[in-house]
Every structure is written in structure tokens, then in C-alpha cells.
Amino acid sequence: MTARWAGRCDACGEWNSISEEAAGGGVASGPSALRSPRKGRPVALATLSGVAEDAPRMLSGIGELDRVTGGGFVPGSALLIGGDPGIGKSTLLMQAAAAMAKRGGAVVYVSGEEAVAQVRLRAQRLGAADAPVALAAETNVEDILATLNAGPRPDLVILDSVQTLWTDAVESAPGTVTQVRASAQAMIRFAKASGAAIVLVGHVTKDGQIAGPRVVEHMVDAVLYFEGEGGHAYRILRAVKNRFGATDEIGVFSMTDSGLREVANPSELFLGERNAAAPGAAVFAGMEGTRPVLVEIQALVAPSSLGTPRRAVVGWDSARLAMVLAVLEAHCGVRLGAHDVYLNVAGGYRIGEPAADLAVAAALVSSLAGLALPSGSVYFGEISLSGAVRPVSHAQQRLKEAEKLGFAEAVLPAGSADVGTGRKGLRETATLVELVAAIAGESESGDRRDRSRNGD
């Protein structure tokens, strides 16, 4: 037997005596490899027009989780949640399972990492021990499916985690790419066939991506990331894929001794310890999905003693900061080449949209000039390489959130289409030069007020 073609047999020395045989088993082969391929059949084609009904929803009982999923769990769907170790994935799902079970849903919680006693201890700590949640500690996919098929169909099945599952269908160790893909596929097939919603918990790598084959993220209907910083109590549940709802939606939680607590107004959380009189601080009115969020951007510009000044960024894109610094120096005459620049998003929050450019530029100029920006102002707008400030979407929602929190003034791009008419406190700026000139003008007017008070 040889694994490749050969004209002469090494055993007997005969020529053209080797015949090809198809493999009858192995990891790469499936049931179709043992029989001849069947003849295809035509399927019915439909048109785009027709009645489209919204997917039914099962509320979990946790408002922030329902917001991120698009209104609750969809029967027959598969959802994947990833996050760093100890961030609170199991805590969130235990609270969701208990809340849904108390509302009358049939919930099964399968743990592959902890024993039943450990899961019960967590439930007692969270005050969920009295919830009618069916619990099991198992990692074999065939045993899990047999258990689920033996009783009534559950409404929600939680598997913690997918990296611990293994199936007899493939010959490899648990946690490998083949096992994770085959196990996830078997559980997703069960969800589609039975109508139960499946939640898979996934570990993440050091780069923040869910470990295992990327094809698992393509197979599931929604992918959520549970994020947070070790030094902060808040946690953010972020949707990066959702076939039944909006992406880039977030839910905000606060970690307490009794579990996760929902944060109804995240802006108050991120602005809670704000010092309005400090230079280099600007409030950015951002959007996360359909939710407006106000967050403070802090900048520190200091003279550098090094040949190459430092550029440190926390919570924002470092390449975006380099672009804003270049535009400030090329079009506004703000010389930052000999200064160290430190940028931080308060509260450990992470910003991904380019609308934060204007707030970052205002914070940088404020820190360099040593002047505090007006305490009642918010900033948002995208900066182009030419120095122009471009309008961004959802300006009306950003302004409403700012007004709700007591901000009376907003600096925004000129020509924003949806801000409405007759609104007071709007300062439109078409270029970055206008913003720098306005901050410099406030500095000069402040100096004149100080001299008048001192009698100069």
C-alpha cells in the first residue's frame, strides 16, 4: 500500500500493478464517502416579494441582554458568546437562565468546565438557587443530545463552553479545531431541528478573538463579546454579528458582589468622576448601535526630553491619533512634534467610530494651551486629511442624550442634516482651523477677564 501514485510496486517489483482505492473512513470522510453520491433533485425557487414575518422572541428577563440580541432569543437560533477568563460570562448566563426559568421557560444549563456542585454554589451566590433550571455537567455531544431528546423540548440550552465538547464522530482531542467545529455543528443542527435556542460559550485568545475555527462564527446566528477592564467594575456586552437584529449594539453591566447589575444610563457611569475644570478633557457624544453614549476623552500633552516623543493611547485607535496629530500640525499650525502625547478614554471604554476625531482634537489643543474646555459642551465630528470636519450620522440622538445629561452646548460639523432647526447652543464648525481658533479665542477672552479682575 502506498499513499501516492507509483509505476512500480516496491514489494514485488511488478510494473503497473498498483490500483487506486478510495478511503473508507477517517476524519475527513463522512457518511457520503461510504456510498455513491446521490443524484440531486431540483428545489422550488421563490421570489423576493411576499409576506415577511418578524422572528418570534423569548425574553430572557435581563433588559440589556435582550437589547443586544435584538429583542430576546429566537427559537431555533444559535448564539456564541466570547470573553476573557473571569470576565463574567458564566455569571451573565446563569442570571439569564434563572430569570428565564422563573418566567416559565424550560432552560437546560450544561457545564463542561465545572462540576454540578460548583455551579450550584454560583447560583446560591447570585440568589438564583430557587430557579427551576435543569443542570448537568457533561462534555460528550452524543450524551448531551440524548439527554435533551429524552425529555420535553427545552426553550434554551446553554453550553459552557464549546471548547470542552467532544464527539465520537471525529478522532481528535477535545479543544482541537476539528472537535470544536464538529461539536458546534452537531449542537446547531439540534437547534434548527428542535426549535430550541442554543447559547455557546467560547474562550478567547490573547488577541481577543474567539478561540477555535473561525467557521464557528459563520455557522451561528449571532456573535457577542463580553468585554471589560480588570480595574473597572463595568462590563460591556457587544454584538458583532446578529442575523435577527442590529450589530454594534451594546449592553452595559456593573459587576457587584451579588452578580451583574444592569446599567440603564451608561453615560452617567462614564461621566461619574469627571473633573470639568481640568484642561485636556472633552466630552464625546458617541453612538453604540442605536444607543447614544457620552464619554470623556482625556489628553495630556507635555514637552518631551526624548528624541522620539511618546504616543500612548488607551481606548482608541493609535493610527487615528497619528492622523489627527498630523492634520493639526499641517493645517492648524499646532506644533506637537516635540511633545509627548497621552490619550485616554475615561472608564476604560473603547471607541471605534471616527466621530470621536473632533473631541480628540479639542482635548489635545486644550491640553497644549492649558485651558479647560467649556464644561457644558460636547463634541463629535469626523476629521478628513484636508482639515475639513465631516458630518456624522445620528446627530439628533447624540444631542438629545447630551441635553438629558445637562449639556447645553454642542460643537458639531457644519451641515449636519438631522439636527433640526431652532435648537440653541449649537456651534457648527466646517474646518479644524475654526475649532482651534475658537479654543484660542476662549483662552484670550479668559486672560482679559482675569486682567480686568486684577485691575490691570
Protein backbone atom coordinates (compact mmCIF):
# COMPACT_ATOMS: atom_id res chain seq x y z
CA MET A 1 0.00 0.00 0.00
CA THR A 2 1.33 3.43 -0.90
CA ALA A 3 -0.03 6.90 -0.30
CA ARG A 4 0.89 8.23 -3.76
CA TRP A 5 0.98 7.02 -7.34
CA ALA A 6 3.91 4.80 -8.38
CA GLY A 7 4.60 2.94 -11.62
CA ARG A 8 6.37 0.03 -9.96
CA CYS A 9 5.46 -1.88 -6.81
CA ASP A 10 8.21 -1.76 -4.20
CA ALA A 11 7.17 -5.13 -2.72
CA CYS A 12 7.05 -7.39 -5.78
CA GLY A 13 8.84 -5.30 -8.38
CA GLU A 14 5.99 -5.54 -10.93
CA TRP A 15 5.08 -2.58 -13.14
CA ASN A 16 1.58 -1.07 -13.43
CA SER A 17 0.22 -3.37 -10.74
CA ILE A 18 -0.92 -0.70 -8.24
CA SER A 19 -4.66 0.12 -8.27
CA GLU A 20 -6.33 3.13 -6.67
CA GLU A 21 -8.81 2.64 -3.82
CA ALA A 22 -10.97 5.35 -2.20
CA ALA A 23 -10.58 5.91 1.55
CA GLY A 24 -13.43 4.39 3.53
CA GLY A 25 -13.12 6.32 6.79
CA GLY A 26 -11.12 8.85 8.74
CA VAL A 27 -11.57 12.39 9.98
CA ALA A 28 -12.13 14.00 6.58
CA SER A 29 -14.65 11.43 5.39
CA GLY A 30 -18.32 11.41 6.21
CA PRO A 31 -21.27 9.09 5.61
CA SER A 32 -21.35 10.13 1.95
CA ALA A 33 -17.83 8.71 1.42
CA LEU A 34 -19.10 5.16 2.01
CA ARG A 35 -21.74 5.24 -0.71
CA SER A 36 -22.05 6.56 -4.21
CA PRO A 37 -23.14 10.19 -4.48
CA ARG A 38 -26.90 10.57 -4.89
CA LYS A 39 -28.46 12.36 -7.79
CA GLY A 40 -29.55 15.90 -6.99
CA ARG A 41 -33.17 16.99 -7.08
CA PRO A 42 -34.47 20.41 -8.10
CA VAL A 43 -35.68 22.71 -5.34
CA ALA A 44 -38.50 25.24 -5.50
CA LEU A 45 -37.44 28.83 -6.17
CA ALA A 46 -39.26 31.74 -4.55
CA THR A 47 -39.42 35.47 -5.26
CA LEU A 48 -38.33 38.35 -3.06
CA SER A 49 -41.88 39.66 -2.77
CA GLY A 50 -44.15 38.13 -0.18
CA VAL A 51 -45.12 38.34 3.46
CA ALA A 52 -42.11 38.53 5.80
CA GLU A 53 -42.86 37.92 9.44
CA ASP A 54 -40.62 39.00 12.29
CA ALA A 55 -38.84 36.24 14.13
CA PRO A 56 -40.57 35.27 17.41
CA ARG A 57 -38.72 36.21 20.56
CA MET A 58 -38.17 34.70 24.00
CA LEU A 59 -37.34 37.36 26.57
CA SER A 60 -34.54 36.44 28.92
CA GLY A 61 -35.68 38.76 31.69
CA ILE A 62 -32.46 40.83 31.50
CA GLY A 63 -33.13 44.03 29.59
CA GLU A 64 -29.56 44.72 28.47
CA LEU A 65 -29.14 41.18 27.15
CA ASP A 66 -32.44 41.40 25.27
CA ARG A 67 -31.32 44.74 23.79
CA VAL A 68 -28.11 43.26 22.38
CA THR A 69 -29.80 40.16 20.96
CA GLY A 70 -32.37 42.33 19.19
CA GLY A 71 -35.33 41.70 21.47
CA GLY A 72 -34.66 38.29 23.02
CA PHE A 73 -33.64 34.80 21.97
CA VAL A 74 -35.04 33.47 18.70
CA PRO A 75 -36.28 29.83 18.81
CA GLY A 76 -34.03 27.57 16.75
CA SER A 77 -31.14 30.04 16.73
CA ALA A 78 -27.53 29.56 17.83
CA LEU A 79 -25.66 32.26 19.71
CA LEU A 80 -21.94 32.42 20.56
CA ILE A 81 -20.62 34.47 23.50
CA GLY A 82 -16.88 35.08 23.93
CA GLY A 83 -14.85 36.91 26.54
CA ASP A 84 -11.73 36.90 28.67
CA PRO A 85 -11.45 34.39 31.55
CA GLY A 86 -13.17 35.65 34.68
CA ILE A 87 -14.97 38.50 32.90
CA GLY A 88 -18.39 37.17 33.93
CA LYS A 89 -19.72 35.09 31.02
CA SER A 90 -20.94 32.25 33.24
CA THR A 91 -22.40 34.74 35.72
CA LEU A 92 -24.35 36.51 32.99
CA LEU A 93 -25.71 33.28 31.54
CA MET A 94 -26.61 31.89 34.95
CA GLN A 95 -28.59 35.03 35.74
CA ALA A 96 -30.27 34.88 32.32
CA ALA A 97 -31.11 31.19 32.76
CA ALA A 98 -32.60 31.81 36.20
CA ALA A 99 -34.61 34.83 35.03
CA MET A 100 -35.98 32.97 32.02
CA ALA A 101 -36.81 29.86 34.06
CA LYS A 102 -38.72 31.95 36.60
CA ARG A 103 -40.76 33.37 33.71
CA GLY A 104 -41.87 29.85 32.77
CA GLY A 105 -39.22 28.88 30.21
CA ALA A 106 -37.62 25.45 30.08
CA VAL A 107 -33.87 26.05 30.47
CA VAL A 108 -31.04 23.50 30.45
CA TYR A 109 -27.58 24.55 31.64
CA VAL A 110 -24.75 22.17 30.65
CA SER A 111 -21.34 22.90 32.15
CA GLY A 112 -18.23 21.30 30.73
CA GLU A 113 -15.76 23.14 32.95
CA GLU A 114 -17.31 22.91 36.40
CA ALA A 115 -18.98 20.24 38.47
CA VAL A 116 -22.62 20.43 39.46
CA ALA A 117 -21.69 21.47 42.98
CA GLN A 118 -19.63 24.41 41.71
CA VAL A 119 -22.46 25.64 39.52
CA ARG A 120 -24.85 25.38 42.47
CA LEU A 121 -22.51 27.50 44.61
CA ARG A 122 -22.53 30.23 41.93
CA ALA A 123 -26.32 30.07 41.74
CA GLN A 124 -26.57 30.48 45.52
CA ARG A 125 -24.24 33.47 45.43
CA LEU A 126 -26.35 35.07 42.70
CA GLY A 127 -29.61 34.36 44.51
CA ALA A 128 -30.79 32.04 41.73
CA ALA A 129 -30.77 28.70 43.54
CA ASP A 130 -34.58 28.54 43.61
CA ALA A 131 -34.91 28.89 39.82
CA PRO A 132 -36.13 25.71 38.03
CA VAL A 133 -33.06 25.35 35.80
CA ALA A 134 -32.09 21.82 34.69
CA LEU A 135 -28.37 21.34 35.33
CA ALA A 136 -25.82 18.85 34.01
CA ALA A 137 -22.03 18.51 33.89
CA GLU A 138 -21.16 16.74 30.63
CA THR A 139 -18.81 17.18 27.66
CA ASN A 140 -19.76 14.37 25.26
CA VAL A 141 -22.01 15.69 22.48
CA GLU A 142 -23.82 12.37 21.95
CA ASP A 143 -24.69 12.12 25.64
CA ILE A 144 -25.88 15.74 25.70
CA LEU A 145 -28.10 15.23 22.66
CA ALA A 146 -29.52 12.00 24.09
CA THR A 147 -30.37 13.82 27.32
CA LEU A 148 -32.05 16.70 25.50
CA ASN A 149 -34.06 14.37 23.26
CA ALA A 150 -35.17 12.19 26.17
CA GLY A 151 -37.30 14.87 27.84
CA PRO A 152 -39.54 17.74 26.75
CA ARG A 153 -38.04 20.15 24.26
CA PRO A 154 -36.18 22.92 26.13
CA ASP A 155 -36.61 26.57 25.20
CA LEU A 156 -32.98 27.47 25.93
CA VAL A 157 -29.82 25.35 26.16
CA ILE A 158 -26.59 26.88 27.50
CA LEU A 159 -23.31 25.06 26.82
CA ASP A 160 -20.31 26.30 28.82
CA SER A 161 -18.04 26.00 26.94
CA VAL A 162 -17.76 24.84 23.32
CA GLN A 163 -14.01 24.19 23.67
CA THR A 164 -14.69 21.41 26.19
CA LEU A 165 -17.15 19.49 23.98
CA TRP A 166 -16.10 16.40 22.06
CA THR A 167 -17.87 13.96 19.77
CA ASP A 168 -17.24 10.34 18.79
CA ALA A 169 -17.64 11.27 15.13
CA VAL A 170 -14.05 12.57 14.89
CA GLU A 171 -10.80 11.17 16.25
CA SER A 172 -9.01 14.07 17.91
CA ALA A 173 -8.56 15.57 21.35
CA PRO A 174 -11.17 17.92 22.87
CA GLY A 175 -10.45 21.55 22.14
CA THR A 176 -8.87 20.96 18.74
CA VAL A 177 -10.15 22.70 15.63
CA THR A 178 -11.84 19.54 14.32
CA GLN A 179 -13.59 18.75 17.60
CA VAL A 180 -14.82 22.33 18.14
CA ARG A 181 -16.18 22.52 14.59
CA ALA A 182 -17.89 19.12 14.70
CA SER A 183 -19.34 19.65 18.18
CA ALA A 184 -20.67 23.10 17.35
CA GLN A 185 -22.18 21.80 14.12
CA ALA A 186 -23.98 18.98 15.94
CA MET A 187 -25.46 21.34 18.52
CA ILE A 188 -26.52 23.87 15.86
CA ARG A 189 -28.17 21.06 13.90
CA PHE A 190 -30.12 20.13 17.04
CA ALA A 191 -31.23 23.77 17.48
CA LYS A 192 -32.53 24.01 13.91
CA ALA A 193 -34.32 20.68 14.11
CA SER A 194 -35.89 21.07 17.55
CA GLY A 195 -36.55 24.82 17.72
CA ALA A 196 -34.58 25.28 20.94
CA ALA A 197 -32.26 28.28 21.27
CA ILE A 198 -28.62 27.31 21.84
CA VAL A 199 -26.05 29.53 23.58
CA LEU A 200 -22.40 28.50 23.17
CA VAL A 201 -19.70 29.99 25.39
CA GLY A 202 -16.30 30.41 23.75
CA HIS A 203 -12.86 31.15 25.13
CA VAL A 204 -10.82 33.93 23.56
CA THR A 205 -7.18 34.10 22.52
CA LYS A 206 -4.66 36.70 23.66
CA ASP A 207 -5.67 38.80 20.64
CA GLY A 208 -9.26 38.93 21.86
CA GLN A 209 -10.68 36.61 19.18
CA ILE A 210 -12.80 33.57 19.98
CA ALA A 211 -10.53 30.51 20.07
CA GLY A 212 -11.07 27.70 17.61
CA PRO A 213 -12.01 27.68 13.94
CA ARG A 214 -13.43 30.91 12.56
CA VAL A 215 -16.06 28.89 10.75
CA VAL A 216 -17.95 28.53 14.05
CA GLU A 217 -18.67 32.28 13.99
CA HIS A 218 -20.06 31.86 10.48
CA MET A 219 -22.28 28.94 11.49
CA VAL A 220 -24.01 30.64 14.41
CA ASP A 221 -26.71 33.30 14.07
CA ALA A 222 -25.21 35.83 16.50
CA VAL A 223 -21.78 36.51 17.99
CA LEU A 224 -21.48 38.51 21.20
CA TYR A 225 -18.36 39.65 23.02
CA PHE A 226 -18.34 40.27 26.76
CA GLU A 227 -15.71 42.92 27.46
CA GLY A 228 -14.33 44.82 30.42
CA GLU A 229 -11.22 46.02 32.17
CA GLY A 230 -9.86 44.40 35.29
CA GLY A 231 -9.60 47.73 37.12
CA HIS A 232 -13.21 48.74 36.43
CA ALA A 233 -16.48 47.28 37.59
CA TYR A 234 -18.36 47.81 34.35
CA ARG A 235 -18.85 45.13 31.69
CA ILE A 236 -19.98 45.64 28.10
CA LEU A 237 -21.82 43.04 26.04
CA ARG A 238 -21.23 43.88 22.39
CA ALA A 239 -22.88 42.34 19.31
CA VAL A 240 -20.57 41.94 16.31
CA LYS A 241 -22.91 39.68 14.30
CA ASN A 242 -26.66 39.25 14.55
CA ARG A 243 -28.91 37.80 11.86
CA PHE A 244 -32.01 38.83 13.80
CA GLY A 245 -31.03 42.31 15.00
CA ALA A 246 -28.67 45.24 14.72
CA THR A 247 -24.93 44.83 15.01
CA ASP A 248 -22.67 47.06 17.12
CA GLU A 249 -25.37 47.15 19.80
CA ILE A 250 -24.11 47.17 23.40
CA GLY A 251 -25.44 46.31 26.81
CA VAL A 252 -23.76 47.75 29.90
CA PHE A 253 -23.48 45.93 33.21
CA SER A 254 -21.79 46.62 36.52
CA MET A 255 -20.15 43.77 38.43
CA THR A 256 -21.18 43.63 42.09
CA ASP A 257 -20.84 41.13 44.92
CA SER A 258 -24.25 39.68 44.06
CA GLY A 259 -23.64 39.39 40.32
CA LEU A 260 -24.11 41.63 37.31
CA ARG A 261 -26.33 44.68 37.60
CA GLU A 262 -27.82 46.39 34.56
CA VAL A 263 -26.75 49.98 33.87
CA ALA A 264 -29.72 51.81 32.37
CA ASN A 265 -27.80 55.02 31.63
CA PRO A 266 -24.18 54.28 30.64
CA SER A 267 -23.38 57.97 30.07
CA GLU A 268 -23.74 58.70 33.78
CA LEU A 269 -21.41 55.80 34.52
CA PHE A 270 -18.64 57.04 32.20
CA LEU A 271 -19.01 60.68 33.31
CA GLY A 272 -19.43 60.00 37.03
CA GLU A 273 -15.92 61.08 38.09
CA ARG A 274 -15.45 63.89 35.58
CA ASN A 275 -13.42 66.96 36.52
CA ALA A 276 -14.80 69.73 34.32
CA ALA A 277 -12.11 72.27 35.32
CA ALA A 278 -9.15 70.19 34.13
CA PRO A 279 -7.51 71.07 30.79
CA GLY A 280 -7.34 68.36 28.15
CA ALA A 281 -10.79 66.83 28.79
CA ALA A 282 -13.55 66.80 26.17
CA VAL A 283 -16.91 65.02 26.27
CA PHE A 284 -17.63 62.96 23.18
CA ALA A 285 -21.20 62.16 22.16
CA GLY A 286 -20.91 58.73 20.56
CA MET A 287 -23.23 56.04 19.27
CA GLU A 288 -23.17 52.32 20.01
CA GLY A 289 -25.69 50.72 17.72
CA THR A 290 -28.95 52.52 18.49
CA ARG A 291 -27.79 53.80 21.88
CA PRO A 292 -26.10 57.21 22.36
CA VAL A 293 -23.27 57.20 24.88
CA LEU A 294 -21.42 60.18 26.34
CA VAL A 295 -17.85 59.54 27.41
CA GLU A 296 -14.94 61.73 28.46
CA ILE A 297 -11.77 61.79 26.36
CA GLN A 298 -8.66 62.84 28.28
CA ALA A 299 -5.48 64.12 26.65
CA LEU A 300 -2.13 65.09 28.11
CA VAL A 301 0.43 66.96 26.01
CA ALA A 302 3.79 67.51 27.72
CA PRO A 303 7.24 68.56 26.48
CA SER A 304 9.39 65.55 25.67
CA SER A 305 13.02 65.02 26.60
CA LEU A 306 13.38 62.15 24.14
CA GLY A 307 14.45 62.23 20.53
CA THR A 308 11.27 60.41 19.57
CA PRO A 309 8.28 61.64 21.61
CA ARG A 310 5.93 59.10 23.14
CA ARG A 311 2.47 58.40 21.76
CA ALA A 312 0.33 56.36 24.17
CA VAL A 313 -3.34 55.58 23.53
CA VAL A 314 -5.86 53.72 25.69
CA GLY A 315 -9.33 53.05 24.34
CA TRP A 316 -8.87 54.47 20.84
CA ASP A 317 -7.07 53.67 17.59
CA SER A 318 -3.41 54.75 17.71
CA ALA A 319 -3.32 55.16 13.91
CA ARG A 320 -6.30 57.51 14.14
CA LEU A 321 -4.47 59.58 16.76
CA ALA A 322 -1.42 59.85 14.49
CA MET A 323 -3.66 61.15 11.69
CA VAL A 324 -5.28 63.80 13.92
CA LEU A 325 -1.85 64.96 15.13
CA ALA A 326 -0.65 65.25 11.53
CA VAL A 327 -3.71 67.29 10.49
CA LEU A 328 -3.33 69.62 13.49
CA GLU A 329 0.29 70.29 12.61
CA ALA A 330 -0.12 70.58 8.83
CA HIS A 331 -3.31 72.68 8.62
CA CYS A 332 -3.63 74.39 12.02
CA GLY A 333 -0.03 75.18 12.94
CA VAL A 334 -0.28 73.26 16.22
CA ARG A 335 3.26 72.01 16.84
CA LEU A 336 3.19 68.71 18.68
CA GLY A 337 6.32 67.09 17.23
CA ALA A 338 8.39 67.84 20.35
CA HIS A 339 5.72 66.80 22.86
CA ASP A 340 4.69 63.53 24.42
CA VAL A 341 1.02 62.79 23.76
CA TYR A 342 -1.10 60.59 26.02
CA LEU A 343 -4.73 59.87 25.19
CA ASN A 344 -7.19 58.00 27.39
CA VAL A 345 -10.90 57.21 27.19
CA ALA A 346 -12.25 57.54 30.72
CA GLY A 347 -13.66 54.48 32.43
CA GLY A 348 -11.77 52.01 30.26
CA TYR A 349 -14.35 52.41 27.48
CA ARG A 350 -13.33 51.66 23.87
CA ILE A 351 -14.33 53.89 20.97
CA GLY A 352 -14.42 52.56 17.43
CA GLU A 353 -16.21 55.22 15.37
CA PRO A 354 -14.38 58.10 13.59
CA ALA A 355 -16.86 60.63 15.00
CA ALA A 356 -14.54 60.99 18.01
CA ASP A 357 -11.95 62.86 15.91
CA LEU A 358 -13.29 66.30 16.81
CA ALA A 359 -13.40 65.55 20.56
CA VAL A 360 -9.84 64.18 20.44
CA ALA A 361 -8.58 67.28 18.62
CA ALA A 362 -10.31 69.56 21.12
CA ALA A 363 -8.78 67.68 24.04
CA LEU A 364 -5.29 67.83 22.51
CA VAL A 365 -5.46 71.59 21.85
CA SER A 366 -6.93 72.18 25.31
CA SER A 367 -4.08 70.31 26.98
CA LEU A 368 -1.42 72.07 24.92
CA ALA A 369 -2.90 75.50 25.69
CA GLY A 370 -3.53 74.66 29.35
CA LEU A 371 -7.15 75.78 29.05
CA ALA A 372 -10.18 73.84 30.22
CA LEU A 373 -12.92 73.48 27.65
CA PRO A 374 -16.45 74.68 28.50
CA SER A 375 -17.95 72.22 30.96
CA GLY A 376 -21.33 72.15 29.24
CA SER A 377 -20.10 71.26 25.74
CA VAL A 378 -19.99 68.01 23.83
CA TYR A 379 -18.04 67.31 20.64
CA PHE A 380 -18.50 64.96 17.71
CA GLY A 381 -17.37 65.00 14.08
CA GLU A 382 -15.02 63.24 11.67
CA ILE A 383 -11.82 64.97 10.54
CA SER A 384 -10.55 64.48 7.00
CA LEU A 385 -6.94 64.75 5.87
CA SER A 386 -7.67 68.16 4.34
CA GLY A 387 -8.65 69.56 7.74
CA ALA A 388 -12.38 69.60 7.00
CA VAL A 389 -14.87 68.37 9.58
CA ARG A 390 -17.33 65.92 8.05
CA PRO A 391 -20.88 65.29 9.33
CA VAL A 392 -21.66 62.00 11.05
CA SER A 393 -24.87 60.04 11.41
CA HIS A 394 -27.39 60.12 14.29
CA ALA A 395 -26.64 63.72 15.27
CA GLN A 396 -30.15 64.16 16.66
CA GLN A 397 -29.81 61.20 19.05
CA ARG A 398 -26.42 62.43 20.24
CA LEU A 399 -27.79 65.88 21.01
CA LYS A 400 -30.82 64.50 22.86
CA GLU A 401 -28.58 62.41 25.10
CA ALA A 402 -26.40 65.44 25.80
CA GLU A 403 -29.42 67.57 26.71
CA LYS A 404 -30.72 64.84 29.02
CA LEU A 405 -27.47 64.94 30.98
CA GLY A 406 -27.39 68.74 31.23
CA PHE A 407 -25.05 69.69 28.37
CA ALA A 408 -26.32 72.94 26.83
CA GLU A 409 -23.78 73.36 24.03
CA ALA A 410 -22.56 71.12 21.24
CA VAL A 411 -19.69 71.54 18.78
CA LEU A 412 -20.54 69.58 15.65
CA PRO A 413 -19.79 69.58 11.90
CA ALA A 414 -21.43 72.19 9.72
CA GLY A 415 -24.27 70.90 7.57
CA SER A 416 -25.44 68.11 9.86
CA ALA A 417 -28.71 67.09 8.25
CA ASP A 418 -30.78 65.74 11.16
CA VAL A 419 -30.11 68.22 13.98
CA GLY A 420 -33.34 70.12 13.40
CA THR A 421 -33.95 73.84 13.38
CA GLY A 422 -34.25 76.31 16.21
CA ARG A 423 -32.03 74.32 18.56
CA LYS A 424 -29.93 76.54 20.82
CA GLY A 425 -26.32 76.02 21.82
CA LEU A 426 -25.06 74.58 18.53
CA ARG A 427 -21.62 75.65 17.32
CA GLU A 428 -21.07 74.38 13.82
CA THR A 429 -17.50 74.12 12.56
CA ALA A 430 -16.58 73.38 8.96
CA THR A 431 -12.82 73.00 9.42
CA LEU A 432 -10.44 72.07 12.17
CA VAL A 433 -8.89 75.53 11.91
CA GLU A 434 -12.15 77.03 13.17
CA LEU A 435 -12.12 74.76 16.21
CA VAL A 436 -8.54 75.70 17.11
CA ALA A 437 -9.31 79.37 16.60
CA ALA A 438 -12.37 79.13 18.84
CA ILE A 439 -10.37 77.49 21.64
CA ALA A 440 -7.62 80.11 21.26
CA GLY A 441 -10.25 82.87 21.34
CA GLU A 442 -11.69 81.48 24.56
CA SER A 443 -8.18 81.49 26.01
CA GLU A 444 -7.63 85.14 25.11
CA SER A 445 -11.04 86.20 26.43
CA GLY A 446 -10.30 84.34 29.66
CA ASP A 447 -6.99 86.16 30.01
CA ARG A 448 -8.72 89.52 29.50
CA ARG A 449 -11.29 88.67 32.18
CA ASP A 450 -8.51 87.77 34.60
CA ARG A 451 -6.65 91.03 33.92
CA SER A 452 -9.85 93.06 34.42
CA ARG A 453 -10.49 91.37 37.76
CA ASN A 454 -6.91 92.10 38.86
CA GLY A 455 -7.24 95.77 37.84
CA ASP A 456 -4.60 95.66 35.07
